[in-house]
Amino acid sequence: MKKIVIIVSVVIFIIIGFIVIKEVSNPNLKYSQEYVVGKSNIKGNVDIEFFISKSEDFAIGANKYGYAVFKNPSKAFKQLKKEYSKGIEIIQKEFNLENLSQSNYKLYGTYGWQVNTGTEEEQNEARFVSSFMDIYENSFSKRVS
């Protein structure tokens, strides 16, 4: 009985892992075109200059579906953690979150807007973290239109 439970658990883990890897590596969600508001299939109205003014690593393009994505999401994520550590830290502290990672970035996006402790600078950084995550998640999650 114990062996069956272990085997079933391993199989389920492998299937879930495969699904997650397939979605994360979906090329349709990656940068494939320039993000130009009003152009054919471009969705939304993202101020790409605002993000570039924060860092060149935050350059934005669009995926196949027209949603804004970072041209290099891993580079952008590393830069966010480096340059916005105060905002990340105040979100983590106020909402008792684990360190920011690929597995919990959505929580930081959700809670960054809600920060009401810390300095004004920390709160502004936390709000930017939420703005960042709105774009970042488009590289990994398909939106339903």
N, C-alpha and C. Protein backbone atom coordinates (compact mmCIF):
# COMPACT_ATOMS: atom_id res chain seq x y z
N MET A 1 0.83 -1.20 0.00
CA MET A 1 0.00 0.00 0.00
C MET A 1 0.87 1.26 0.00
N LYS A 2 1.93 1.24 0.81
CA LYS A 2 2.81 2.38 0.90
C LYS A 2 3.52 2.64 -0.44
N LYS A 3 3.90 1.56 -1.13
CA LYS A 3 4.57 1.69 -2.43
C LYS A 3 3.63 2.32 -3.45
N ILE A 4 2.37 1.94 -3.42
CA ILE A 4 1.40 2.49 -4.37
C ILE A 4 1.24 3.99 -4.15
N VAL A 5 1.14 4.41 -2.92
CA VAL A 5 1.01 5.83 -2.59
C VAL A 5 2.24 6.60 -3.09
N ILE A 6 3.41 6.04 -2.87
CA ILE A 6 4.65 6.69 -3.31
C ILE A 6 4.68 6.78 -4.84
N ILE A 7 4.35 5.71 -5.52
CA ILE A 7 4.36 5.69 -6.99
C ILE A 7 3.35 6.69 -7.55
N VAL A 8 2.14 6.70 -7.02
CA VAL A 8 1.11 7.64 -7.47
C VAL A 8 1.57 9.08 -7.22
N SER A 9 2.16 9.34 -6.06
CA SER A 9 2.65 10.68 -5.74
C SER A 9 3.73 11.13 -6.72
N VAL A 10 4.65 10.23 -7.04
CA VAL A 10 5.73 10.56 -7.98
C VAL A 10 5.15 10.85 -9.36
N VAL A 11 4.22 10.05 -9.81
CA VAL A 11 3.61 10.25 -11.12
C VAL A 11 2.88 11.60 -11.16
N ILE A 12 2.13 11.91 -10.14
CA ILE A 12 1.42 13.19 -10.08
C ILE A 12 2.42 14.34 -10.09
N PHE A 13 3.48 14.22 -9.32
CA PHE A 13 4.52 15.26 -9.27
C PHE A 13 5.13 15.47 -10.66
N ILE A 14 5.42 14.40 -11.37
CA ILE A 14 6.01 14.49 -12.71
C ILE A 14 5.03 15.17 -13.68
N ILE A 15 3.77 14.81 -13.62
CA ILE A 15 2.77 15.41 -14.51
C ILE A 15 2.63 16.90 -14.23
N ILE A 16 2.52 17.27 -12.98
CA ILE A 16 2.41 18.68 -12.62
C ILE A 16 3.66 19.44 -13.06
N GLY A 17 4.82 18.86 -12.84
CA GLY A 17 6.08 19.48 -13.26
C GLY A 17 6.12 19.71 -14.76
N PHE A 18 5.68 18.72 -15.52
CA PHE A 18 5.64 18.84 -16.97
C PHE A 18 4.72 19.97 -17.41
N ILE A 19 3.55 20.06 -16.81
CA ILE A 19 2.59 21.11 -17.16
C ILE A 19 3.17 22.49 -16.85
N VAL A 20 3.78 22.64 -15.68
CA VAL A 20 4.37 23.91 -15.29
C VAL A 20 5.50 24.29 -16.25
N ILE A 21 6.38 23.37 -16.55
CA ILE A 21 7.50 23.65 -17.45
C ILE A 21 6.97 24.01 -18.84
N LYS A 22 5.97 23.32 -19.31
CA LYS A 22 5.41 23.60 -20.63
C LYS A 22 4.85 25.02 -20.68
N GLU A 23 4.12 25.44 -19.65
CA GLU A 23 3.54 26.78 -19.62
C GLU A 23 4.62 27.84 -19.50
N VAL A 24 5.61 27.62 -18.63
CA VAL A 24 6.68 28.60 -18.43
C VAL A 24 7.51 28.76 -19.69
N SER A 25 7.69 27.70 -20.43
CA SER A 25 8.52 27.77 -21.63
C SER A 25 7.71 28.04 -22.89
N ASN A 26 6.45 28.39 -22.77
CA ASN A 26 5.59 28.66 -23.91
C ASN A 26 6.14 29.85 -24.70
N PRO A 27 6.63 29.62 -25.93
CA PRO A 27 7.22 30.72 -26.70
C PRO A 27 6.21 31.80 -27.08
N ASN A 28 4.93 31.48 -27.09
CA ASN A 28 3.92 32.48 -27.40
C ASN A 28 3.80 33.56 -26.33
N LEU A 29 4.31 33.27 -25.14
CA LEU A 29 4.23 34.22 -24.05
C LEU A 29 5.46 35.11 -23.95
N LYS A 30 6.48 34.81 -24.70
CA LYS A 30 7.74 35.56 -24.67
C LYS A 30 7.70 36.73 -25.65
N TYR A 31 8.63 37.64 -25.50
CA TYR A 31 8.77 38.80 -26.38
C TYR A 31 8.90 38.35 -27.83
N SER A 32 8.01 38.87 -28.69
CA SER A 32 8.08 38.51 -30.11
C SER A 32 7.80 39.69 -31.04
N GLN A 33 7.40 40.83 -30.46
CA GLN A 33 7.11 42.00 -31.28
C GLN A 33 7.25 43.26 -30.42
N GLU A 34 7.35 44.38 -31.08
CA GLU A 34 7.45 45.64 -30.34
C GLU A 34 6.07 45.99 -29.76
N TYR A 35 6.11 46.64 -28.61
CA TYR A 35 4.86 47.07 -27.97
C TYR A 35 4.60 48.51 -28.39
N VAL A 36 3.64 48.68 -29.28
CA VAL A 36 3.26 50.01 -29.76
C VAL A 36 1.76 50.16 -29.54
N VAL A 37 1.41 51.05 -28.61
CA VAL A 37 0.01 51.25 -28.25
C VAL A 37 -0.78 51.62 -29.51
N GLY A 38 -1.91 50.94 -29.69
CA GLY A 38 -2.78 51.21 -30.83
C GLY A 38 -2.45 50.38 -32.06
N LYS A 39 -1.32 49.69 -32.05
CA LYS A 39 -0.94 48.86 -33.19
C LYS A 39 -1.74 47.56 -33.16
N SER A 40 -2.17 47.09 -34.29
CA SER A 40 -2.96 45.88 -34.53
C SER A 40 -3.40 45.13 -33.28
N ASN A 41 -2.64 44.15 -32.83
CA ASN A 41 -3.12 43.29 -31.74
C ASN A 41 -2.59 43.69 -30.36
N ILE A 42 -2.00 44.84 -30.21
CA ILE A 42 -1.43 45.27 -28.91
C ILE A 42 -2.56 45.54 -27.92
N LYS A 43 -2.42 44.95 -26.74
CA LYS A 43 -3.43 45.09 -25.68
C LYS A 43 -2.94 46.09 -24.63
N GLY A 44 -3.85 46.87 -24.13
CA GLY A 44 -3.53 47.77 -23.03
C GLY A 44 -2.85 49.05 -23.47
N ASN A 45 -2.37 49.78 -22.46
CA ASN A 45 -1.75 51.08 -22.69
C ASN A 45 -0.59 51.26 -21.72
N VAL A 46 0.42 50.42 -21.84
CA VAL A 46 1.56 50.43 -20.92
C VAL A 46 2.53 51.54 -21.32
N ASP A 47 2.94 52.33 -20.36
CA ASP A 47 3.92 53.40 -20.59
C ASP A 47 5.32 52.78 -20.57
N ILE A 48 5.78 52.32 -21.72
CA ILE A 48 7.06 51.63 -21.77
C ILE A 48 8.22 52.56 -21.45
N GLU A 49 8.09 53.85 -21.73
CA GLU A 49 9.14 54.82 -21.41
C GLU A 49 9.33 54.95 -19.90
N PHE A 50 8.24 54.84 -19.16
CA PHE A 50 8.33 54.89 -17.70
C PHE A 50 9.24 53.78 -17.18
N PHE A 51 9.05 52.57 -17.69
CA PHE A 51 9.85 51.44 -17.23
C PHE A 51 11.31 51.58 -17.67
N ILE A 52 11.53 52.01 -18.90
CA ILE A 52 12.91 52.18 -19.38
C ILE A 52 13.61 53.28 -18.60
N SER A 53 12.87 54.31 -18.17
CA SER A 53 13.48 55.39 -17.39
C SER A 53 13.98 54.88 -16.03
N LYS A 54 13.39 53.80 -15.55
CA LYS A 54 13.83 53.19 -14.29
C LYS A 54 15.08 52.36 -14.50
N SER A 55 15.15 51.63 -15.64
CA SER A 55 16.32 50.82 -15.98
C SER A 55 16.17 50.31 -17.40
N GLU A 56 17.27 50.29 -18.14
CA GLU A 56 17.27 49.72 -19.48
C GLU A 56 16.89 48.23 -19.43
N ASP A 57 17.14 47.59 -18.30
CA ASP A 57 16.80 46.18 -18.13
C ASP A 57 15.29 45.95 -18.10
N PHE A 58 14.52 47.03 -17.96
CA PHE A 58 13.07 46.93 -17.93
C PHE A 58 12.44 47.20 -19.30
N ALA A 59 13.20 47.01 -20.37
CA ALA A 59 12.69 47.23 -21.73
C ALA A 59 11.51 46.30 -21.98
N ILE A 60 10.46 46.85 -22.57
CA ILE A 60 9.21 46.12 -22.77
C ILE A 60 8.94 45.92 -24.25
N GLY A 61 8.49 44.73 -24.58
CA GLY A 61 7.98 44.39 -25.91
C GLY A 61 6.61 43.77 -25.72
N ALA A 62 6.17 43.00 -26.69
CA ALA A 62 4.87 42.33 -26.58
C ALA A 62 5.03 40.87 -26.96
N ASN A 63 4.16 40.04 -26.38
CA ASN A 63 4.16 38.62 -26.76
C ASN A 63 3.23 38.42 -27.96
N LYS A 64 3.09 37.19 -28.40
CA LYS A 64 2.28 36.85 -29.57
C LYS A 64 0.85 37.37 -29.44
N TYR A 65 0.34 37.41 -28.22
CA TYR A 65 -1.04 37.80 -27.98
C TYR A 65 -1.22 39.31 -27.83
N GLY A 66 -0.10 40.06 -27.88
CA GLY A 66 -0.16 41.51 -27.80
C GLY A 66 -0.04 42.09 -26.41
N TYR A 67 0.22 41.25 -25.42
CA TYR A 67 0.37 41.74 -24.05
C TYR A 67 1.81 42.18 -23.79
N ALA A 68 1.96 43.21 -23.00
CA ALA A 68 3.28 43.73 -22.65
C ALA A 68 4.06 42.69 -21.85
N VAL A 69 5.31 42.48 -22.24
CA VAL A 69 6.22 41.59 -21.53
C VAL A 69 7.60 42.24 -21.50
N PHE A 70 8.41 41.85 -20.54
CA PHE A 70 9.80 42.32 -20.55
C PHE A 70 10.55 41.58 -21.63
N LYS A 71 11.39 42.29 -22.35
CA LYS A 71 12.14 41.66 -23.44
C LYS A 71 13.04 40.57 -22.88
N ASN A 72 13.58 40.79 -21.71
CA ASN A 72 14.40 39.78 -21.04
C ASN A 72 13.91 39.67 -19.59
N PRO A 73 12.91 38.82 -19.33
CA PRO A 73 12.29 38.77 -18.00
C PRO A 73 13.25 38.40 -16.88
N SER A 74 14.19 37.50 -17.12
CA SER A 74 15.09 37.10 -16.03
C SER A 74 16.04 38.25 -15.68
N LYS A 75 16.51 38.97 -16.67
CA LYS A 75 17.37 40.13 -16.42
C LYS A 75 16.59 41.23 -15.69
N ALA A 76 15.35 41.45 -16.11
CA ALA A 76 14.50 42.45 -15.46
C ALA A 76 14.23 42.07 -14.00
N PHE A 77 13.97 40.80 -13.75
CA PHE A 77 13.69 40.32 -12.39
C PHE A 77 14.91 40.53 -11.49
N LYS A 78 16.10 40.20 -12.00
CA LYS A 78 17.33 40.41 -11.23
C LYS A 78 17.53 41.88 -10.90
N GLN A 79 17.28 42.74 -11.89
CA GLN A 79 17.45 44.18 -11.68
C GLN A 79 16.44 44.70 -10.67
N LEU A 80 15.21 44.21 -10.74
CA LEU A 80 14.19 44.62 -9.77
C LEU A 80 14.66 44.29 -8.35
N LYS A 81 15.13 43.07 -8.15
CA LYS A 81 15.58 42.65 -6.82
C LYS A 81 16.74 43.50 -6.33
N LYS A 82 17.59 43.91 -7.24
CA LYS A 82 18.76 44.72 -6.89
C LYS A 82 18.37 46.17 -6.57
N GLU A 83 17.60 46.78 -7.46
CA GLU A 83 17.30 48.22 -7.36
C GLU A 83 16.10 48.56 -6.47
N TYR A 84 15.24 47.62 -6.23
CA TYR A 84 14.01 47.89 -5.46
C TYR A 84 13.93 47.02 -4.21
N SER A 85 15.07 46.78 -3.63
CA SER A 85 15.13 45.89 -2.46
C SER A 85 14.37 46.45 -1.26
N LYS A 86 14.34 47.77 -1.12
CA LYS A 86 13.60 48.36 0.01
C LYS A 86 12.10 48.11 -0.13
N GLY A 87 11.58 48.29 -1.33
CA GLY A 87 10.16 48.04 -1.57
C GLY A 87 9.82 46.58 -1.39
N ILE A 88 10.69 45.71 -1.90
CA ILE A 88 10.48 44.27 -1.76
C ILE A 88 10.49 43.89 -0.29
N GLU A 89 11.43 44.44 0.43
CA GLU A 89 11.56 44.12 1.87
C GLU A 89 10.35 44.57 2.67
N ILE A 90 9.81 45.75 2.36
CA ILE A 90 8.66 46.24 3.13
C ILE A 90 7.41 45.41 2.81
N ILE A 91 7.27 44.96 1.57
CA ILE A 91 6.15 44.07 1.22
C ILE A 91 6.29 42.76 2.00
N GLN A 92 7.49 42.22 1.96
CA GLN A 92 7.75 40.95 2.64
C GLN A 92 7.44 41.07 4.13
N LYS A 93 7.93 42.14 4.73
CA LYS A 93 7.77 42.32 6.17
C LYS A 93 6.29 42.55 6.54
N GLU A 94 5.63 43.44 5.82
CA GLU A 94 4.25 43.80 6.18
C GLU A 94 3.27 42.64 5.98
N PHE A 95 3.54 41.80 4.98
CA PHE A 95 2.59 40.73 4.67
C PHE A 95 3.14 39.35 4.98
N ASN A 96 4.26 39.32 5.71
CA ASN A 96 4.85 38.07 6.19
C ASN A 96 5.05 37.06 5.06
N LEU A 97 5.74 37.50 4.00
CA LEU A 97 5.97 36.65 2.83
C LEU A 97 7.38 36.06 2.87
N GLU A 98 7.55 35.00 2.12
CA GLU A 98 8.89 34.41 1.93
C GLU A 98 9.67 35.35 1.01
N ASN A 99 10.97 35.13 0.90
CA ASN A 99 11.79 35.93 -0.01
C ASN A 99 11.19 35.88 -1.41
N LEU A 100 11.28 37.00 -2.13
CA LEU A 100 10.77 37.07 -3.49
C LEU A 100 11.43 36.02 -4.37
N SER A 101 10.61 35.26 -5.09
CA SER A 101 11.13 34.20 -5.97
C SER A 101 10.16 33.98 -7.12
N GLN A 102 10.54 33.07 -8.01
CA GLN A 102 9.67 32.70 -9.13
C GLN A 102 8.36 32.07 -8.67
N SER A 103 8.38 31.49 -7.50
CA SER A 103 7.17 30.79 -7.04
C SER A 103 6.19 31.69 -6.29
N ASN A 104 6.62 32.89 -5.89
CA ASN A 104 5.70 33.74 -5.13
C ASN A 104 5.62 35.18 -5.65
N TYR A 105 6.12 35.45 -6.84
CA TYR A 105 6.14 36.83 -7.34
C TYR A 105 4.75 37.44 -7.44
N LYS A 106 3.73 36.61 -7.69
CA LYS A 106 2.37 37.14 -7.81
C LYS A 106 1.89 37.77 -6.50
N LEU A 107 2.30 37.20 -5.38
CA LEU A 107 1.93 37.77 -4.08
C LEU A 107 2.52 39.17 -3.90
N TYR A 108 3.74 39.35 -4.35
CA TYR A 108 4.37 40.67 -4.26
C TYR A 108 3.64 41.67 -5.15
N GLY A 109 3.16 41.21 -6.30
CA GLY A 109 2.38 42.07 -7.18
C GLY A 109 1.06 42.47 -6.55
N THR A 110 0.44 41.55 -5.86
CA THR A 110 -0.83 41.80 -5.21
C THR A 110 -0.68 42.75 -4.02
N TYR A 111 0.31 42.50 -3.19
CA TYR A 111 0.44 43.24 -1.93
C TYR A 111 1.22 44.55 -2.04
N GLY A 112 2.00 44.74 -3.08
CA GLY A 112 2.79 45.97 -3.20
C GLY A 112 1.94 47.23 -3.18
N TRP A 113 0.77 47.16 -3.80
CA TRP A 113 -0.13 48.32 -3.82
C TRP A 113 -0.71 48.62 -2.44
N GLN A 114 -0.72 47.63 -1.57
CA GLN A 114 -1.41 47.76 -0.29
C GLN A 114 -0.51 48.16 0.88
N VAL A 115 0.78 48.32 0.62
CA VAL A 115 1.72 48.66 1.69
C VAL A 115 1.33 50.00 2.32
N ASN A 116 1.30 50.03 3.64
CA ASN A 116 1.02 51.31 4.33
C ASN A 116 1.96 51.54 5.50
N THR A 117 3.05 50.78 5.57
CA THR A 117 4.08 51.02 6.58
C THR A 117 5.34 51.45 5.84
N GLY A 118 6.37 51.77 6.59
CA GLY A 118 7.64 52.15 6.00
C GLY A 118 7.66 53.60 5.55
N THR A 119 8.77 53.98 4.96
CA THR A 119 8.95 55.36 4.51
C THR A 119 8.21 55.57 3.19
N GLU A 120 8.09 56.81 2.78
CA GLU A 120 7.46 57.13 1.50
C GLU A 120 8.25 56.48 0.36
N GLU A 121 9.57 56.49 0.45
CA GLU A 121 10.41 55.86 -0.57
C GLU A 121 10.13 54.36 -0.66
N GLU A 122 10.04 53.70 0.49
CA GLU A 122 9.76 52.26 0.51
C GLU A 122 8.38 51.96 -0.07
N GLN A 123 7.39 52.79 0.26
CA GLN A 123 6.04 52.60 -0.26
C GLN A 123 6.01 52.80 -1.77
N ASN A 124 6.74 53.82 -2.27
CA ASN A 124 6.81 54.04 -3.72
C ASN A 124 7.48 52.86 -4.42
N GLU A 125 8.54 52.34 -3.83
CA GLU A 125 9.20 51.17 -4.40
C GLU A 125 8.26 49.97 -4.41
N ALA A 126 7.50 49.80 -3.34
CA ALA A 126 6.55 48.68 -3.26
C ALA A 126 5.49 48.79 -4.36
N ARG A 127 5.01 50.00 -4.61
CA ARG A 127 4.03 50.20 -5.68
C ARG A 127 4.65 49.89 -7.04
N PHE A 128 5.93 50.27 -7.21
CA PHE A 128 6.60 49.95 -8.47
C PHE A 128 6.72 48.43 -8.64
N VAL A 129 7.00 47.73 -7.55
CA VAL A 129 7.10 46.27 -7.60
C VAL A 129 5.79 45.69 -8.13
N SER A 130 4.66 46.21 -7.68
CA SER A 130 3.36 45.74 -8.18
C SER A 130 3.21 46.03 -9.67
N SER A 131 3.60 47.23 -10.09
CA SER A 131 3.53 47.58 -11.52
C SER A 131 4.39 46.65 -12.35
N PHE A 132 5.58 46.38 -11.84
CA PHE A 132 6.51 45.47 -12.51
C PHE A 132 5.88 44.10 -12.68
N MET A 133 5.28 43.58 -11.61
CA MET A 133 4.72 42.23 -11.65
C MET A 133 3.55 42.12 -12.62
N ASP A 134 2.82 43.22 -12.83
CA ASP A 134 1.74 43.20 -13.82
C ASP A 134 2.28 42.86 -15.21
N ILE A 135 3.46 43.36 -15.53
CA ILE A 135 4.10 43.08 -16.82
C ILE A 135 4.80 41.72 -16.78
N TYR A 136 5.52 41.48 -15.70
CA TYR A 136 6.34 40.27 -15.57
C TYR A 136 5.51 39.00 -15.73
N GLU A 137 4.34 38.95 -15.12
CA GLU A 137 3.53 37.73 -15.16
C GLU A 137 3.04 37.40 -16.57
N ASN A 138 3.00 38.38 -17.46
CA ASN A 138 2.56 38.11 -18.84
C ASN A 138 3.50 37.17 -19.58
N SER A 139 4.73 37.07 -19.12
CA SER A 139 5.69 36.15 -19.76
C SER A 139 5.47 34.70 -19.34
N PHE A 140 4.63 34.49 -18.35
CA PHE A 140 4.47 33.15 -17.79
C PHE A 140 3.02 32.69 -17.71
N SER A 141 2.08 33.60 -17.80
CA SER A 141 0.67 33.26 -17.66
C SER A 141 -0.11 33.79 -18.84
N LYS A 142 -0.85 32.91 -19.47
CA LYS A 142 -1.69 33.33 -20.59
C LYS A 142 -2.95 33.97 -20.05
N ARG A 143 -3.22 35.18 -20.52
CA ARG A 143 -4.43 35.88 -20.10
C ARG A 143 -5.59 35.42 -20.98
N VAL A 144 -6.74 35.46 -20.40
CA VAL A 144 -7.95 35.15 -21.16
C VAL A 144 -8.59 36.49 -21.54
N SER A 145 -8.76 36.69 -22.83
CA SER A 145 -9.33 37.97 -23.30
C SER A 145 -10.83 37.99 -23.21
